[in-house]
Amino acid sequence: MRAVLATGNAGKARELGRLLPDVAVEPLDVEVDETGQTFADNALLKARAAHAAVPSAIGLGDDSGLEVDALGGEPGIRSARWAGPDDAGRNRALLERLEGVGDRRAAFVCALAAVLPDGRELVVEGRLDGAIAAAPAGSSGFGYDPLFVPEGEERTLGELGPARKDELSHRARAAARLREALATA
């Protein structure tokens, strides 16, 4: 199966390519106005744009982010644009907002959408619960990975490395559901 993923994020494209081994995932840098109110809404907007650009392939869209309980779910669907243009700035801002806060529970959420060549649409979600660390650790991954400690782990996603992250991440969980949905579609 060939799929085009609406993304300008090379890390996300590589990760999703690993998580969907039966699908030849190609990144496609298309402009999508993320006007949805949920991760699923925005993933579907991206999948539709990818499919419109390459109708013979599966159009894929991924929208994911971090929801922090003490911040009322922020940064949420704005995770990639929240508090600055780069990962380091967003991580600093998150730590500043959580300074002195005892409840550091958070979750990574991922919605994956696929628009099949015949126009059928699939949307699945995955979630990884955990907490925000006191300081960044590890150089693996991207985004908030150096700050996020998954439930049951003592190290951040940035420390765990790609193989372990691929086993337990929110995107891995969503990709497993998408693989199942594609197999029965």
C-alpha atoms as a PDB file:
ATOM      1  CA  MET A   1       0.000   0.000   0.000  1.00  0.00           C
ATOM      2  CA  ARG A   2       1.189   3.500  -0.810  1.00  0.00           C
ATOM      3  CA  ALA A   3       0.257   6.428   1.401  1.00  0.00           C
ATOM      4  CA  VAL A   4       1.065  10.117   1.480  1.00  0.00           C
ATOM      5  CA  LEU A   5       1.282  11.728   4.899  1.00  0.00           C
ATOM      6  CA  ALA A   6       0.410  15.403   5.123  1.00  0.00           C
ATOM      7  CA  THR A   7       3.344  16.686   7.157  1.00  0.00           C
ATOM      8  CA  GLY A   8       6.358  18.918   7.060  1.00  0.00           C
ATOM      9  CA  ASN A   9       7.715  17.142  10.156  1.00  0.00           C
ATOM     10  CA  ALA A  10      10.403  14.690   9.034  1.00  0.00           C
ATOM     11  CA  GLY A  11      10.559  13.045  12.488  1.00  0.00           C
ATOM     12  CA  LYS A  12       6.844  12.307  12.447  1.00  0.00           C
ATOM     13  CA  ALA A  13       7.056  10.879   8.913  1.00  0.00           C
ATOM     14  CA  ARG A  14       9.956   8.565   9.840  1.00  0.00           C
ATOM     15  CA  GLU A  15       8.198   7.427  13.003  1.00  0.00           C
ATOM     16  CA  LEU A  16       4.918   6.711  11.248  1.00  0.00           C
ATOM     17  CA  GLY A  17       6.785   4.879   8.493  1.00  0.00           C
ATOM     18  CA  ARG A  18       8.255   2.539  11.121  1.00  0.00           C
ATOM     19  CA  LEU A  19       4.865   2.059  12.774  1.00  0.00           C
ATOM     20  CA  LEU A  20       3.080   1.150   9.536  1.00  0.00           C
ATOM     21  CA  PRO A  21       5.525  -1.382   8.059  1.00  0.00           C
ATOM     22  CA  ASP A  22       3.068  -2.642   5.410  1.00  0.00           C
ATOM     23  CA  VAL A  23       2.454   0.870   4.103  1.00  0.00           C
ATOM     24  CA  ALA A  24       4.950   2.845   2.015  1.00  0.00           C
ATOM     25  CA  VAL A  25       4.565   6.205   3.768  1.00  0.00           C
ATOM     26  CA  GLU A  26       5.790   9.248   1.852  1.00  0.00           C
ATOM     27  CA  PRO A  27       5.785  12.726   3.426  1.00  0.00           C
ATOM     28  CA  LEU A  28       3.865  15.381   1.542  1.00  0.00           C
ATOM     29  CA  ASP A  29       4.296  19.008   2.523  1.00  0.00           C
ATOM     30  CA  VAL A  30       0.812  20.453   1.959  1.00  0.00           C
ATOM     31  CA  GLU A  31      -0.698  23.515   3.567  1.00  0.00           C
ATOM     32  CA  VAL A  32      -3.632  22.631   5.797  1.00  0.00           C
ATOM     33  CA  ASP A  33      -5.569  25.163   7.819  1.00  0.00           C
ATOM     34  CA  GLU A  34      -6.030  23.315  11.123  1.00  0.00           C
ATOM     35  CA  THR A  35      -9.464  24.655  12.016  1.00  0.00           C
ATOM     36  CA  GLY A  36     -10.687  21.556  13.854  1.00  0.00           C
ATOM     37  CA  GLN A  37     -11.619  21.539  17.510  1.00  0.00           C
ATOM     38  CA  THR A  38     -10.089  18.116  18.217  1.00  0.00           C
ATOM     39  CA  PHE A  39      -7.056  16.071  17.230  1.00  0.00           C
ATOM     40  CA  ALA A  40      -9.363  13.842  15.148  1.00  0.00           C
ATOM     41  CA  ASP A  41     -10.840  16.842  13.297  1.00  0.00           C
ATOM     42  CA  ASN A  42      -7.400  18.137  12.340  1.00  0.00           C
ATOM     43  CA  ALA A  43      -6.064  14.692  11.383  1.00  0.00           C
ATOM     44  CA  LEU A  44      -8.995  14.261   9.010  1.00  0.00           C
ATOM     45  CA  LEU A  45      -8.437  17.701   7.447  1.00  0.00           C
ATOM     46  CA  LYS A  46      -4.814  16.706   6.774  1.00  0.00           C
ATOM     47  CA  ALA A  47      -5.746  13.278   5.382  1.00  0.00           C
ATOM     48  CA  ARG A  48      -8.265  14.865   3.018  1.00  0.00           C
ATOM     49  CA  ALA A  49      -5.643  17.350   1.789  1.00  0.00           C
ATOM     50  CA  ALA A  50      -3.103  14.565   1.188  1.00  0.00           C
ATOM     51  CA  HIS A  51      -5.687  12.467  -0.651  1.00  0.00           C
ATOM     52  CA  ALA A  52      -6.732  15.455  -2.793  1.00  0.00           C
ATOM     53  CA  ALA A  53      -3.082  15.969  -3.791  1.00  0.00           C
ATOM     54  CA  VAL A  54      -2.492  12.268  -4.630  1.00  0.00           C
ATOM     55  CA  PRO A  55      -5.890  10.563  -5.136  1.00  0.00           C
ATOM     56  CA  SER A  56      -4.380   7.211  -6.135  1.00  0.00           C
ATOM     57  CA  ALA A  57      -2.729   6.835  -2.713  1.00  0.00           C
ATOM     58  CA  ILE A  58      -4.070   6.653   0.810  1.00  0.00           C
ATOM     59  CA  GLY A  59      -4.103  10.149   2.269  1.00  0.00           C
ATOM     60  CA  LEU A  60      -2.827  10.146   5.847  1.00  0.00           C
ATOM     61  CA  GLY A  61      -3.173  12.813   8.500  1.00  0.00           C
ATOM     62  CA  ASP A  62      -1.715  12.841  11.995  1.00  0.00           C
ATOM     63  CA  ASP A  63      -2.584  15.329  14.669  1.00  0.00           C
ATOM     64  CA  SER A  64      -1.096  14.831  18.056  1.00  0.00           C
ATOM     65  CA  GLY A  65      -0.075  16.706  21.105  1.00  0.00           C
ATOM     66  CA  LEU A  66       0.377  16.941  24.813  1.00  0.00           C
ATOM     67  CA  GLU A  67      -2.435  17.504  27.301  1.00  0.00           C
ATOM     68  CA  VAL A  68      -1.329  18.581  30.781  1.00  0.00           C
ATOM     69  CA  ASP A  69      -3.945  18.190  33.525  1.00  0.00           C
ATOM     70  CA  ALA A  70      -2.763  21.137  35.648  1.00  0.00           C
ATOM     71  CA  LEU A  71      -2.969  23.398  32.572  1.00  0.00           C
ATOM     72  CA  GLY A  72      -6.543  22.464  31.742  1.00  0.00           C
ATOM     73  CA  GLY A  73      -5.448  20.291  28.820  1.00  0.00           C
ATOM     74  CA  GLU A  74      -2.988  22.767  27.310  1.00  0.00           C
ATOM     75  CA  PRO A  75      -1.125  22.817  25.055  1.00  0.00           C
ATOM     76  CA  GLY A  76      -3.566  20.357  23.422  1.00  0.00           C
ATOM     77  CA  ILE A  77      -4.276  20.744  19.718  1.00  0.00           C
ATOM     78  CA  ARG A  78      -1.923  23.705  19.638  1.00  0.00           C
ATOM     79  CA  SER A  79       1.065  21.731  20.966  1.00  0.00           C
ATOM     80  CA  ALA A  80       3.267  22.408  17.926  1.00  0.00           C
ATOM     81  CA  ARG A  81       2.569  26.145  17.993  1.00  0.00           C
ATOM     82  CA  TRP A  82       2.156  26.734  21.721  1.00  0.00           C
ATOM     83  CA  ALA A  83       4.604  29.112  23.416  1.00  0.00           C
ATOM     84  CA  GLY A  84       7.052  29.616  20.593  1.00  0.00           C
ATOM     85  CA  PRO A  85       8.423  28.403  17.297  1.00  0.00           C
ATOM     86  CA  ASP A  86      10.794  25.678  18.529  1.00  0.00           C
ATOM     87  CA  ASP A  87      10.834  22.608  20.761  1.00  0.00           C
ATOM     88  CA  ALA A  88      13.337  24.010  23.254  1.00  0.00           C
ATOM     89  CA  GLY A  89      11.267  27.172  23.790  1.00  0.00           C
ATOM     90  CA  ARG A  90       8.033  25.222  24.209  1.00  0.00           C
ATOM     91  CA  ASN A  91       9.699  22.881  26.710  1.00  0.00           C
ATOM     92  CA  ARG A  92      11.045  25.839  28.715  1.00  0.00           C
ATOM     93  CA  ALA A  93       7.609  27.475  28.718  1.00  0.00           C
ATOM     94  CA  LEU A  94       5.978  24.254  29.899  1.00  0.00           C
ATOM     95  CA  LEU A  95       8.424  23.881  32.780  1.00  0.00           C
ATOM     96  CA  GLU A  96       7.906  27.534  33.759  1.00  0.00           C
ATOM     97  CA  ARG A  97       4.118  27.085  33.771  1.00  0.00           C
ATOM     98  CA  LEU A  98       4.458  23.996  35.973  1.00  0.00           C
ATOM     99  CA  GLU A  99       6.940  25.511  38.433  1.00  0.00           C
ATOM    100  CA  GLY A 100       5.694  24.747  41.951  1.00  0.00           C
ATOM    101  CA  VAL A 101       2.825  22.590  40.658  1.00  0.00           C
ATOM    102  CA  GLY A 102       2.587  19.184  42.313  1.00  0.00           C
ATOM    103  CA  ASP A 103       0.191  17.554  39.851  1.00  0.00           C
ATOM    104  CA  ARG A 104       2.290  16.914  36.750  1.00  0.00           C
ATOM    105  CA  ARG A 105       0.007  14.334  35.113  1.00  0.00           C
ATOM    106  CA  ALA A 106      -0.158  14.552  31.349  1.00  0.00           C
ATOM    107  CA  ALA A 107      -1.011  12.514  28.289  1.00  0.00           C
ATOM    108  CA  PHE A 108       0.197  12.377  24.730  1.00  0.00           C
ATOM    109  CA  VAL A 109      -2.753  11.987  22.348  1.00  0.00           C
ATOM    110  CA  CYS A 110      -2.575  11.036  18.676  1.00  0.00           C
ATOM    111  CA  ALA A 111      -5.316  10.902  16.074  1.00  0.00           C
ATOM    112  CA  LEU A 112      -4.564   9.255  12.728  1.00  0.00           C
ATOM    113  CA  ALA A 113      -6.891   9.619   9.775  1.00  0.00           C
ATOM    114  CA  ALA A 114      -6.809   7.878   6.425  1.00  0.00           C
ATOM    115  CA  VAL A 115      -8.729   8.677   3.271  1.00  0.00           C
ATOM    116  CA  LEU A 116      -8.679   5.625   1.030  1.00  0.00           C
ATOM    117  CA  PRO A 117      -8.439   5.910  -2.756  1.00  0.00           C
ATOM    118  CA  ASP A 118     -12.181   5.109  -2.960  1.00  0.00           C
ATOM    119  CA  GLY A 119     -12.961   8.017  -0.606  1.00  0.00           C
ATOM    120  CA  ARG A 120     -13.739   6.048   2.564  1.00  0.00           C
ATOM    121  CA  GLU A 121     -12.443   7.713   5.728  1.00  0.00           C
ATOM    122  CA  LEU A 122     -10.955   6.083   8.814  1.00  0.00           C
ATOM    123  CA  VAL A 123     -10.084   7.852  12.077  1.00  0.00           C
ATOM    124  CA  VAL A 124      -8.406   6.225  15.094  1.00  0.00           C
ATOM    125  CA  GLU A 125      -6.813   7.517  18.291  1.00  0.00           C
ATOM    126  CA  GLY A 126      -4.089   6.478  20.703  1.00  0.00           C
ATOM    127  CA  ARG A 127      -3.182   7.811  24.150  1.00  0.00           C
ATOM    128  CA  LEU A 128      -0.146   7.514  26.414  1.00  0.00           C
ATOM    129  CA  ASP A 129      -0.555   8.620  30.034  1.00  0.00           C
ATOM    130  CA  GLY A 130       2.360   9.831  32.098  1.00  0.00           C
ATOM    131  CA  ALA A 131       3.813  12.897  33.806  1.00  0.00           C
ATOM    132  CA  ILE A 132       6.032  15.879  33.085  1.00  0.00           C
ATOM    133  CA  ALA A 133       9.584  15.581  34.408  1.00  0.00           C
ATOM    134  CA  ALA A 134      11.241  18.367  36.422  1.00  0.00           C
ATOM    135  CA  ALA A 135      13.881  18.875  33.706  1.00  0.00           C
ATOM    136  CA  PRO A 136      14.463  17.692  30.140  1.00  0.00           C
ATOM    137  CA  ALA A 137      16.440  14.469  29.691  1.00  0.00           C
ATOM    138  CA  GLY A 138      17.539  12.533  26.632  1.00  0.00           C
ATOM    139  CA  SER A 139      18.179  13.488  23.052  1.00  0.00           C
ATOM    140  CA  SER A 140      16.015  10.934  21.289  1.00  0.00           C
ATOM    141  CA  GLY A 141      12.692  11.910  19.780  1.00  0.00           C
ATOM    142  CA  PHE A 142      11.322  15.397  19.233  1.00  0.00           C
ATOM    143  CA  GLY A 143       8.836  17.854  20.675  1.00  0.00           C
ATOM    144  CA  TYR A 144       8.013  17.277  24.330  1.00  0.00           C
ATOM    145  CA  ASP A 145       9.689  13.823  24.415  1.00  0.00           C
ATOM    146  CA  PRO A 146      12.556  14.971  26.715  1.00  0.00           C
ATOM    147  CA  LEU A 147       9.987  16.036  29.346  1.00  0.00           C
ATOM    148  CA  PHE A 148       7.453  13.216  29.205  1.00  0.00           C
ATOM    149  CA  VAL A 149       7.774  10.184  31.498  1.00  0.00           C
ATOM    150  CA  PRO A 150       5.281   7.448  30.493  1.00  0.00           C
ATOM    151  CA  GLU A 151       3.358   5.595  33.205  1.00  0.00           C
ATOM    152  CA  GLY A 152       5.374   2.599  34.351  1.00  0.00           C
ATOM    153  CA  GLU A 153       8.681   4.115  33.224  1.00  0.00           C
ATOM    154  CA  GLU A 154      11.334   6.064  35.126  1.00  0.00           C
ATOM    155  CA  ARG A 155      12.900   7.756  32.105  1.00  0.00           C
ATOM    156  CA  THR A 156      11.550  10.248  29.580  1.00  0.00           C
ATOM    157  CA  LEU A 157      10.658   9.334  26.019  1.00  0.00           C
ATOM    158  CA  GLY A 158      13.776  11.269  25.054  1.00  0.00           C
ATOM    159  CA  GLU A 159      15.856   8.788  27.055  1.00  0.00           C
ATOM    160  CA  LEU A 160      14.026   5.606  26.049  1.00  0.00           C
ATOM    161  CA  GLY A 161      15.042   5.711  22.399  1.00  0.00           C
ATOM    162  CA  PRO A 162      13.081   5.056  19.237  1.00  0.00           C
ATOM    163  CA  ALA A 163      12.612   1.291  19.632  1.00  0.00           C
ATOM    164  CA  ARG A 164      11.013   1.552  23.085  1.00  0.00           C
ATOM    165  CA  LYS A 165       9.040   4.645  22.065  1.00  0.00           C
ATOM    166  CA  ASP A 166       7.681   2.738  19.055  1.00  0.00           C
ATOM    167  CA  GLU A 167       6.426   0.044  21.448  1.00  0.00           C
ATOM    168  CA  LEU A 168       4.431   2.302  23.745  1.00  0.00           C
ATOM    169  CA  SER A 169       3.828   5.767  22.297  1.00  0.00           C
ATOM    170  CA  HIS A 170       0.486   7.389  21.587  1.00  0.00           C
ATOM    171  CA  ARG A 171       1.333   7.294  17.870  1.00  0.00           C
ATOM    172  CA  ALA A 172       2.245   3.581  18.102  1.00  0.00           C
ATOM    173  CA  ARG A 173      -1.115   2.850  19.714  1.00  0.00           C
ATOM    174  CA  ALA A 174      -2.982   4.832  17.067  1.00  0.00           C
ATOM    175  CA  ALA A 175      -0.941   3.197  14.279  1.00  0.00           C
ATOM    176  CA  ALA A 176      -1.819  -0.276  15.594  1.00  0.00           C
ATOM    177  CA  ARG A 177      -5.500   0.653  15.436  1.00  0.00           C
ATOM    178  CA  LEU A 178      -5.042   2.074  11.928  1.00  0.00           C
ATOM    179  CA  ARG A 179      -3.297  -1.125  10.756  1.00  0.00           C
ATOM    180  CA  GLU A 180      -6.320  -3.106  12.009  1.00  0.00           C
ATOM    181  CA  ALA A 181      -8.764  -0.731  10.329  1.00  0.00           C
ATOM    182  CA  LEU A 182      -6.876  -0.848   7.013  1.00  0.00           C
ATOM    183  CA  ALA A 183      -6.774  -4.648   7.114  1.00  0.00           C
ATOM    184  CA  THR A 184     -10.555  -4.833   7.313  1.00  0.00           C
ATOM    185  CA  ALA A 185     -11.337  -1.883   5.016  1.00  0.00           C
END
